[in-house]
Structures are given as C-alpha cells and as structure tokens.
Amino acid sequence: MPNTQDQPLPKPTVKLVKEMEERFDLENHDTECALTWLVKQFPQNTNGSQILLKVAAINQLYSTQIYAFGAREK
C-alpha cells in the first residue's frame, strides 16, 4: 500500500473544495452541532470564562492547540 504522504496533493478547484467541505460536514456533524449550540449559549465574546470554554471545546474537538486568545473580562 503506498504511503499517502508521498502522493502529490490534488490541485484545488471549486468542485474539490465543495466536495471536501461536504465530507467534513458529514464526518463532523455532531461536533459542529455541539459547537454551534455552545456559541449560541454565549454569543458575546466579552466574558473571559465563556471565551475560555469555547476555546477549550474547539481545542479538544479539533486539536487546534490554541493557547492564547486576546479577550479580557470587562
């Protein structure tokens, strides 16, 4: 079986991007629904605790490794 890391990436096209977006949405439906719900619960980005909760959820679900964010509690 060939190593996929050795394969060249396909040239991005509008069609390919749309196909990959649909695939992502299907594979991550529950995750996206959970994050959408969380953002709707805390729509303002003025409370540091609420921002931390959103950042932590995104980090955990998507392994983004976001460690710094600019909002401060007012």
Protein backbone atom coordinates (compact mmCIF):
# COMPACT_ATOMS: atom_id res chain seq x y z
CA MET A 1 0.00 0.00 0.00
CA PRO A 2 1.53 3.36 -0.99
CA ASN A 3 2.16 5.98 1.64
CA THR A 4 -0.38 8.78 1.15
CA GLN A 5 2.18 11.31 2.36
CA ASP A 6 4.19 10.58 -0.79
CA GLN A 7 1.24 11.36 -3.05
CA PRO A 8 1.04 14.86 -4.52
CA LEU A 9 -1.89 16.95 -3.36
CA PRO A 10 -4.60 17.47 -5.95
CA LYS A 11 -4.89 20.91 -7.48
CA PRO A 12 -7.59 22.78 -5.54
CA THR A 13 -10.67 23.53 -7.58
CA VAL A 14 -14.06 24.91 -6.60
CA LYS A 15 -15.54 21.44 -7.12
CA LEU A 16 -12.90 19.73 -4.95
CA VAL A 17 -13.27 22.28 -2.16
CA LYS A 18 -17.06 21.86 -2.16
CA GLU A 19 -16.69 18.05 -2.09
CA MET A 20 -14.24 18.22 0.81
CA GLU A 21 -16.48 20.67 2.67
CA GLU A 22 -19.43 18.29 2.30
CA ARG A 23 -17.29 15.39 3.50
CA PHE A 24 -16.09 17.39 6.51
CA ASP A 25 -19.65 18.38 7.38
CA LEU A 26 -20.86 14.78 7.20
CA GLU A 27 -17.96 13.41 9.25
CA ASN A 28 -18.21 16.16 11.87
CA HIS A 29 -21.96 16.76 12.06
CA ASP A 30 -22.33 16.09 15.81
CA THR A 31 -19.23 18.12 16.65
CA GLU A 32 -20.40 21.07 14.58
CA CYS A 33 -23.87 20.93 16.16
CA ALA A 34 -22.35 20.92 19.65
CA LEU A 35 -20.08 23.87 18.89
CA THR A 36 -22.93 25.80 17.25
CA TRP A 37 -25.05 25.24 20.36
CA LEU A 38 -22.20 26.39 22.62
CA VAL A 39 -21.63 29.58 20.63
CA LYS A 40 -25.37 30.34 20.71
CA GLN A 41 -25.37 29.95 24.51
CA PHE A 42 -22.56 32.51 24.82
CA PRO A 43 -22.83 34.78 21.76
CA GLN A 44 -20.82 37.67 23.20
CA ASN A 45 -17.04 37.42 23.43
CA THR A 46 -16.73 39.77 26.38
CA ASN A 47 -16.60 37.30 29.27
CA GLY A 48 -13.23 35.57 29.64
CA SER A 49 -14.72 32.43 31.19
CA GLN A 50 -17.14 31.96 28.31
CA ILE A 51 -14.38 32.51 25.77
CA LEU A 52 -12.16 30.02 27.58
CA LEU A 53 -14.97 27.47 27.47
CA LYS A 54 -15.36 27.91 23.70
CA VAL A 55 -11.61 27.78 23.08
CA ALA A 56 -11.27 24.66 25.24
CA ALA A 57 -14.11 22.93 23.38
CA ILE A 58 -12.65 23.76 19.96
CA ASN A 59 -9.17 22.68 21.10
CA GLN A 60 -10.45 19.36 22.40
CA LEU A 61 -12.72 18.55 19.47
CA TYR A 62 -10.38 19.68 16.68
CA SER A 63 -6.93 19.51 18.34
CA THR A 64 -6.26 23.12 17.30
CA GLN A 65 -3.71 23.84 20.06
CA ILE A 66 -4.89 27.42 20.56
CA TYR A 67 -3.18 28.50 23.77
CA ALA A 68 -3.56 32.27 23.71
CA PHE A 69 -6.56 34.42 23.00
CA GLY A 70 -6.97 38.17 23.22
CA ALA A 71 -10.21 38.78 25.11
CA ARG A 72 -10.19 40.04 28.67
CA GLU A 73 -13.15 40.15 31.00
CA LYS A 74 -14.67 43.65 31.19
